Structures are given as C-alpha cells and as structure tokens.
Amino acid sequence: MTARSNRQKADQDPFEWLPSSPGALCRYGKEWTETKLRWGLAVDEAERDRLMDIAAGCGDTEVEFTPAA
C-alpha cells in the first residue's frame, strides 16, 4: 500500500473503501476478517455484506486467526 492510498483509506471499512488493485482484494478481505475475529471487533451489516461479497469471489481462501489473549 502506498502512502497516498493509505491516506485515502483513512479509517474506512471495506464497505466504504477497497484497494484499487484487483489482485489485492482477496488478501485485503481475508486480513480484515482475520483482524476483526482475532480482536473480537464488531462488524456492521454493510461491512459484513461487503466482506461476504469479497469472499465469494476469492475461491478457497481460508481465514485463520488466533484469538487475542
């Protein structure tokens, strides 16, 4: 991620912002989901729906996480 794209993203969730590179989309969705699960963070309906759409287009991407202690 470039500094410019990081500034554009700011604190937006996947419903509000997605990486412009199609090749980065699956990784972004996977890592976002893993982070939310690891830390037990809430997900609103729009964010969840967008993450499900991303996952549907990613084939057999497996989400793996270790819950935070």
PDB file of N, CA and C in Angstrom:
ATOM      1  N   MET A   1       0.844  -1.165   0.000  1.00  0.00           N
ATOM      2  CA  MET A   1       0.000   0.000   0.000  1.00  0.00           C
ATOM      3  C   MET A   1       0.892   1.232   0.000  1.00  0.00           C
ATOM      4  N   THR A   2       0.583   2.150  -0.866  1.00  0.00           N
ATOM      5  CA  THR A   2       1.348   3.394  -0.910  1.00  0.00           C
ATOM      6  C   THR A   2       0.848   4.349   0.177  1.00  0.00           C
ATOM      7  N   ALA A   3       1.658   5.346   0.486  1.00  0.00           N
ATOM      8  CA  ALA A   3       1.247   6.345   1.482  1.00  0.00           C
ATOM      9  C   ALA A   3      -0.011   7.062   1.008  1.00  0.00           C
ATOM     10  N   ARG A   4      -0.088   7.340  -0.289  1.00  0.00           N
ATOM     11  CA  ARG A   4      -1.260   8.040  -0.833  1.00  0.00           C
ATOM     12  C   ARG A   4      -2.529   7.211  -0.655  1.00  0.00           C
ATOM     13  N   SER A   5      -2.471   5.917  -1.014  1.00  0.00           N
ATOM     14  CA  SER A   5      -3.668   5.081  -0.870  1.00  0.00           C
ATOM     15  C   SER A   5      -4.030   4.882   0.595  1.00  0.00           C
ATOM     16  N   ASN A   6      -3.028   4.845   1.479  1.00  0.00           N
ATOM     17  CA  ASN A   6      -3.306   4.727   2.907  1.00  0.00           C
ATOM     18  C   ASN A   6      -4.040   5.967   3.417  1.00  0.00           C
ATOM     19  N   ARG A   7      -3.648   7.150   2.943  1.00  0.00           N
ATOM     20  CA  ARG A   7      -4.346   8.379   3.336  1.00  0.00           C
ATOM     21  C   ARG A   7      -5.775   8.383   2.807  1.00  0.00           C
ATOM     22  N   GLN A   8      -5.979   7.878   1.584  1.00  0.00           N
ATOM     23  CA  GLN A   8      -7.322   7.827   1.012  1.00  0.00           C
ATOM     24  C   GLN A   8      -8.211   6.892   1.822  1.00  0.00           C
ATOM     25  N   LYS A   9      -7.662   5.780   2.267  1.00  0.00           N
ATOM     26  CA  LYS A   9      -8.430   4.805   3.027  1.00  0.00           C
ATOM     27  C   LYS A   9      -8.812   5.365   4.394  1.00  0.00           C
ATOM     28  N   ALA A  10      -7.857   6.008   5.058  1.00  0.00           N
ATOM     29  CA  ALA A  10      -8.060   6.543   6.406  1.00  0.00           C
ATOM     30  C   ALA A  10      -8.647   5.461   7.309  1.00  0.00           C
ATOM     31  N   ASP A  11      -9.796   5.716   7.945  1.00  0.00           N
ATOM     32  CA  ASP A  11     -10.391   4.739   8.858  1.00  0.00           C
ATOM     33  C   ASP A  11     -11.642   4.105   8.263  1.00  0.00           C
ATOM     34  N   GLN A  12     -11.723   4.036   6.945  1.00  0.00           N
ATOM     35  CA  GLN A  12     -12.898   3.481   6.287  1.00  0.00           C
ATOM     36  C   GLN A  12     -12.858   1.948   6.290  1.00  0.00           C
ATOM     37  N   ASP A  13     -14.026   1.344   6.435  1.00  0.00           N
ATOM     38  CA  ASP A  13     -14.111  -0.112   6.405  1.00  0.00           C
ATOM     39  C   ASP A  13     -14.294  -0.583   4.954  1.00  0.00           C
ATOM     40  N   PRO A  14     -14.334  -1.901   4.714  1.00  0.00           N
ATOM     41  CA  PRO A  14     -14.445  -2.409   3.348  1.00  0.00           C
ATOM     42  C   PRO A  14     -15.721  -1.975   2.609  1.00  0.00           C
ATOM     43  N   PHE A  15     -16.755  -1.588   3.312  1.00  0.00           N
ATOM     44  CA  PHE A  15     -17.941  -1.085   2.624  1.00  0.00           C
ATOM     45  C   PHE A  15     -17.649   0.272   1.993  1.00  0.00           C
ATOM     46  N   GLU A  16     -16.788   1.045   2.640  1.00  0.00           N
ATOM     47  CA  GLU A  16     -16.507   2.414   2.205  1.00  0.00           C
ATOM     48  C   GLU A  16     -15.276   2.534   1.304  1.00  0.00           C
ATOM     49  N   TRP A  17     -14.339   1.576   1.392  1.00  0.00           N
ATOM     50  CA  TRP A  17     -13.097   1.656   0.629  1.00  0.00           C
ATOM     51  C   TRP A  17     -12.581   0.262   0.339  1.00  0.00           C
ATOM     52  N   LEU A  18     -12.099   0.050  -0.884  1.00  0.00           N
ATOM     53  CA  LEU A  18     -11.437  -1.195  -1.254  1.00  0.00           C
ATOM     54  C   LEU A  18     -10.174  -0.854  -2.029  1.00  0.00           C
ATOM     55  N   PRO A  19      -9.168  -1.720  -1.989  1.00  0.00           N
ATOM     56  CA  PRO A  19      -7.947  -1.444  -2.747  1.00  0.00           C
ATOM     57  C   PRO A  19      -8.252  -1.389  -4.243  1.00  0.00           C
ATOM     58  N   SER A  20      -7.522  -0.556  -4.964  1.00  0.00           N
ATOM     59  CA  SER A  20      -7.780  -0.398  -6.391  1.00  0.00           C
ATOM     60  C   SER A  20      -7.229  -1.561  -7.206  1.00  0.00           C
ATOM     61  N   SER A  21      -6.293  -2.292  -6.657  1.00  0.00           N
ATOM     62  CA  SER A  21      -5.704  -3.427  -7.362  1.00  0.00           C
ATOM     63  C   SER A  21      -6.578  -4.669  -7.190  1.00  0.00           C
ATOM     64  N   PRO A  22      -7.105  -5.222  -8.293  1.00  0.00           N
ATOM     65  CA  PRO A  22      -7.933  -6.433  -8.173  1.00  0.00           C
ATOM     66  C   PRO A  22      -7.189  -7.585  -7.500  1.00  0.00           C
ATOM     67  N   GLY A  23      -5.884  -7.665  -7.703  1.00  0.00           N
ATOM     68  CA  GLY A  23      -5.099  -8.728  -7.100  1.00  0.00           C
ATOM     69  C   GLY A  23      -4.972  -8.625  -5.588  1.00  0.00           C
ATOM     70  N   ALA A  24      -5.216  -7.445  -5.038  1.00  0.00           N
ATOM     71  CA  ALA A  24      -5.081  -7.234  -3.594  1.00  0.00           C
ATOM     72  C   ALA A  24      -6.402  -7.441  -2.851  1.00  0.00           C
ATOM     73  N   LEU A  25      -7.501  -7.539  -3.563  1.00  0.00           N
ATOM     74  CA  LEU A  25      -8.812  -7.570  -2.936  1.00  0.00           C
ATOM     75  C   LEU A  25      -9.008  -8.783  -2.019  1.00  0.00           C
ATOM     76  N   CYS A  26      -8.660  -9.963  -2.482  1.00  0.00           N
ATOM     77  CA  CYS A  26      -8.851 -11.161  -1.652  1.00  0.00           C
ATOM     78  C   CYS A  26      -7.988 -11.110  -0.397  1.00  0.00           C
ATOM     79  N   ARG A  27      -6.743 -10.694  -0.553  1.00  0.00           N
ATOM     80  CA  ARG A  27      -5.860 -10.598   0.609  1.00  0.00           C
ATOM     81  C   ARG A  27      -6.393  -9.574   1.604  1.00  0.00           C
ATOM     82  N   TYR A  28      -6.844  -8.428   1.101  1.00  0.00           N
ATOM     83  CA  TYR A  28      -7.374  -7.377   1.962  1.00  0.00           C
ATOM     84  C   TYR A  28      -8.585  -7.887   2.751  1.00  0.00           C
ATOM     85  N   GLY A  29      -9.533  -8.527   2.070  1.00  0.00           N
ATOM     86  CA  GLY A  29     -10.723  -9.051   2.730  1.00  0.00           C
ATOM     87  C   GLY A  29     -10.383 -10.102   3.777  1.00  0.00           C
ATOM     88  N   LYS A  30      -9.446 -10.982   3.421  1.00  0.00           N
ATOM     89  CA  LYS A  30      -9.018 -12.037   4.344  1.00  0.00           C
ATOM     90  C   LYS A  30      -8.374 -11.439   5.585  1.00  0.00           C
ATOM     91  N   GLU A  31      -7.433 -10.516   5.397  1.00  0.00           N
ATOM     92  CA  GLU A  31      -6.728  -9.935   6.533  1.00  0.00           C
ATOM     93  C   GLU A  31      -7.646  -9.062   7.383  1.00  0.00           C
ATOM     94  N   TRP A  32      -8.581  -8.365   6.750  1.00  0.00           N
ATOM     95  CA  TRP A  32      -9.544  -7.552   7.515  1.00  0.00           C
ATOM     96  C   TRP A  32     -10.391  -8.472   8.403  1.00  0.00           C
ATOM     97  N   THR A  33     -10.875  -9.561   7.830  1.00  0.00           N
ATOM     98  CA  THR A  33     -11.710 -10.506   8.568  1.00  0.00           C
ATOM     99  C   THR A  33     -10.931 -11.143   9.712  1.00  0.00           C
ATOM    100  N   GLU A  34      -9.694 -11.563   9.429  1.00  0.00           N
ATOM    101  CA  GLU A  34      -8.876 -12.169  10.477  1.00  0.00           C
ATOM    102  C   GLU A  34      -8.638 -11.203  11.641  1.00  0.00           C
ATOM    103  N   THR A  35      -8.404  -9.942  11.330  1.00  0.00           N
ATOM    104  CA  THR A  35      -8.179  -8.944  12.378  1.00  0.00           C
ATOM    105  C   THR A  35      -9.431  -8.748  13.223  1.00  0.00           C
ATOM    106  N   LYS A  36     -10.584  -8.648  12.565  1.00  0.00           N
ATOM    107  CA  LYS A  36     -11.845  -8.479  13.301  1.00  0.00           C
ATOM    108  C   LYS A  36     -12.091  -9.673  14.229  1.00  0.00           C
ATOM    109  N   LEU A  37     -11.858 -10.870  13.711  1.00  0.00           N
ATOM    110  CA  LEU A  37     -12.072 -12.070  14.520  1.00  0.00           C
ATOM    111  C   LEU A  37     -11.056 -12.169  15.655  1.00  0.00           C
ATOM    112  N   ARG A  38      -9.795 -11.901  15.356  1.00  0.00           N
ATOM    113  CA  ARG A  38      -8.751 -12.000  16.388  1.00  0.00           C
ATOM    114  C   ARG A  38      -9.060 -11.120  17.589  1.00  0.00           C
ATOM    115  N   TRP A  39      -9.510  -9.902  17.334  1.00  0.00           N
ATOM    116  CA  TRP A  39      -9.727  -8.958  18.418  1.00  0.00           C
ATOM    117  C   TRP A  39     -11.184  -8.874  18.860  1.00  0.00           C
ATOM    118  N   GLY A  40     -12.062  -9.686  18.288  1.00  0.00           N
ATOM    119  CA  GLY A  40     -13.470  -9.697  18.683  1.00  0.00           C
ATOM    120  C   GLY A  40     -14.171  -8.375  18.392  1.00  0.00           C
ATOM    121  N   LEU A  41     -13.823  -7.750  17.278  1.00  0.00           N
ATOM    122  CA  LEU A  41     -14.382  -6.449  16.922  1.00  0.00           C
ATOM    123  C   LEU A  41     -15.729  -6.596  16.230  1.00  0.00           C
ATOM    124  N   ALA A  42     -16.591  -5.632  16.444  1.00  0.00           N
ATOM    125  CA  ALA A  42     -17.926  -5.641  15.836  1.00  0.00           C
ATOM    126  C   ALA A  42     -17.837  -5.386  14.335  1.00  0.00           C
ATOM    127  N   VAL A  43     -18.815  -5.930  13.621  1.00  0.00           N
ATOM    128  CA  VAL A  43     -18.942  -5.732  12.177  1.00  0.00           C
ATOM    129  C   VAL A  43     -20.387  -5.335  11.907  1.00  0.00           C
ATOM    130  N   ASP A  44     -20.584  -4.194  11.235  1.00  0.00           N
ATOM    131  CA  ASP A  44     -21.963  -3.812  10.924  1.00  0.00           C
ATOM    132  C   ASP A  44     -22.448  -4.558   9.674  1.00  0.00           C
ATOM    133  N   GLU A  45     -23.725  -4.467   9.393  1.00  0.00           N
ATOM    134  CA  GLU A  45     -24.325  -5.249   8.308  1.00  0.00           C
ATOM    135  C   GLU A  45     -23.720  -4.926   6.943  1.00  0.00           C
ATOM    136  N   ALA A  46     -23.510  -3.659   6.646  1.00  0.00           N
ATOM    137  CA  ALA A  46     -22.955  -3.274   5.349  1.00  0.00           C
ATOM    138  C   ALA A  46     -21.530  -3.810   5.186  1.00  0.00           C
ATOM    139  N   GLU A  47     -20.742  -3.714   6.237  1.00  0.00           N
ATOM    140  CA  GLU A  47     -19.367  -4.225   6.216  1.00  0.00           C
ATOM    141  C   GLU A  47     -19.375  -5.744   6.028  1.00  0.00           C
ATOM    142  N   ARG A  48     -20.229  -6.441   6.782  1.00  0.00           N
ATOM    143  CA  ARG A  48     -20.325  -7.896   6.666  1.00  0.00           C
ATOM    144  C   ARG A  48     -20.721  -8.307   5.253  1.00  0.00           C
ATOM    145  N   ASP A  49     -21.716  -7.632   4.693  1.00  0.00           N
ATOM    146  CA  ASP A  49     -22.166  -7.974   3.335  1.00  0.00           C
ATOM    147  C   ASP A  49     -21.047  -7.785   2.316  1.00  0.00           C
ATOM    148  N   ARG A  50     -20.288  -6.702   2.456  1.00  0.00           N
ATOM    149  CA  ARG A  50     -19.173  -6.456   1.530  1.00  0.00           C
ATOM    150  C   ARG A  50     -18.100  -7.524   1.681  1.00  0.00           C
ATOM    151  N   LEU A  51     -17.782  -7.901   2.921  1.00  0.00           N
ATOM    152  CA  LEU A  51     -16.794  -8.949   3.145  1.00  0.00           C
ATOM    153  C   LEU A  51     -17.262 -10.287   2.577  1.00  0.00           C
ATOM    154  N   MET A  52     -18.540 -10.571   2.685  1.00  0.00           N
ATOM    155  CA  MET A  52     -19.082 -11.813   2.114  1.00  0.00           C
ATOM    156  C   MET A  52     -18.992 -11.779   0.583  1.00  0.00           C
ATOM    157  N   ASP A  53     -19.250 -10.632  -0.024  1.00  0.00           N
ATOM    158  CA  ASP A  53     -19.119 -10.488  -1.480  1.00  0.00           C
ATOM    159  C   ASP A  53     -17.675 -10.710  -1.919  1.00  0.00           C
ATOM    160  N   ILE A  54     -16.745 -10.127  -1.171  1.00  0.00           N
ATOM    161  CA  ILE A  54     -15.325 -10.318  -1.488  1.00  0.00           C
ATOM    162  C   ILE A  54     -14.967 -11.794  -1.392  1.00  0.00           C
ATOM    163  N   ALA A  55     -15.358 -12.441  -0.295  1.00  0.00           N
ATOM    164  CA  ALA A  55     -15.038 -13.854  -0.079  1.00  0.00           C
ATOM    165  C   ALA A  55     -15.627 -14.736  -1.169  1.00  0.00           C
ATOM    166  N   ALA A  56     -16.816 -14.412  -1.639  1.00  0.00           N
ATOM    167  CA  ALA A  56     -17.463 -15.214  -2.677  1.00  0.00           C
ATOM    168  C   ALA A  56     -16.658 -15.215  -3.968  1.00  0.00           C
ATOM    169  N   GLY A  57     -15.918 -14.152  -4.214  1.00  0.00           N
ATOM    170  CA  GLY A  57     -15.116 -14.073  -5.424  1.00  0.00           C
ATOM    171  C   GLY A  57     -13.693 -14.550  -5.265  1.00  0.00           C
ATOM    172  N   CYS A  58     -13.359 -15.099  -4.107  1.00  0.00           N
ATOM    173  CA  CYS A  58     -11.972 -15.467  -3.826  1.00  0.00           C
ATOM    174  C   CYS A  58     -11.719 -16.971  -3.799  1.00  0.00           C
ATOM    175  N   GLY A  59     -12.679 -17.754  -4.122  1.00  0.00           N
ATOM    176  CA  GLY A  59     -12.447 -19.202  -4.134  1.00  0.00           C
ATOM    177  C   GLY A  59     -12.251 -19.764  -2.751  1.00  0.00           C
ATOM    178  N   ASP A  60     -11.230 -20.584  -2.605  1.00  0.00           N
ATOM    179  CA  ASP A  60     -10.996 -21.313  -1.360  1.00  0.00           C
ATOM    180  C   ASP A  60     -10.060 -20.590  -0.394  1.00  0.00           C
ATOM    181  N   THR A  61     -10.239 -19.304  -0.235  1.00  0.00           N
ATOM    182  CA  THR A  61      -9.426 -18.553   0.715  1.00  0.00           C
ATOM    183  C   THR A  61      -9.869 -18.904   2.124  1.00  0.00           C
ATOM    184  N   GLU A  62      -8.933 -19.361   2.930  1.00  0.00           N
ATOM    185  CA  GLU A  62      -9.252 -19.768   4.295  1.00  0.00           C
ATOM    186  C   GLU A  62      -8.845 -18.695   5.293  1.00  0.00           C
ATOM    187  N   VAL A  63      -9.753 -18.325   6.162  1.00  0.00           N
ATOM    188  CA  VAL A  63      -9.478 -17.350   7.214  1.00  0.00           C
ATOM    189  C   VAL A  63      -8.925 -18.090   8.417  1.00  0.00           C
ATOM    190  N   GLU A  64      -7.746 -17.651   8.878  1.00  0.00           N
ATOM    191  CA  GLU A  64      -7.109 -18.267  10.037  1.00  0.00           C
ATOM    192  C   GLU A  64      -6.756 -17.159  11.029  1.00  0.00           C
ATOM    193  N   PHE A  65      -7.042 -17.403  12.312  1.00  0.00           N
ATOM    194  CA  PHE A  65      -6.703 -16.406  13.321  1.00  0.00           C
ATOM    195  C   PHE A  65      -6.530 -17.078  14.667  1.00  0.00           C
ATOM    196  N   THR A  66      -5.802 -16.396  15.516  1.00  0.00           N
ATOM    197  CA  THR A  66      -5.638 -16.811  16.901  1.00  0.00           C
ATOM    198  C   THR A  66      -6.283 -15.717  17.738  1.00  0.00           C
ATOM    199  N   PRO A  67      -7.260 -16.057  18.574  1.00  0.00           N
ATOM    200  CA  PRO A  67      -7.874 -15.024  19.407  1.00  0.00           C
ATOM    201  C   PRO A  67      -6.832 -14.326  20.278  1.00  0.00           C
ATOM    202  N   ALA A  68      -6.976 -13.027  20.415  1.00  0.00           N
ATOM    203  CA  ALA A  68      -6.060 -12.251  21.259  1.00  0.00           C
ATOM    204  C   ALA A  68      -6.264 -12.669  22.716  1.00  0.00           C
ATOM    205  N   ALA A  69      -5.178 -12.679  23.423  1.00  0.00           N
ATOM    206  CA  ALA A  69      -5.233 -13.086  24.836  1.00  0.00           C
ATOM    207  C   ALA A  69      -5.737 -11.966  25.702  1.00  0.00           C
TER     208      ALA A  69
END
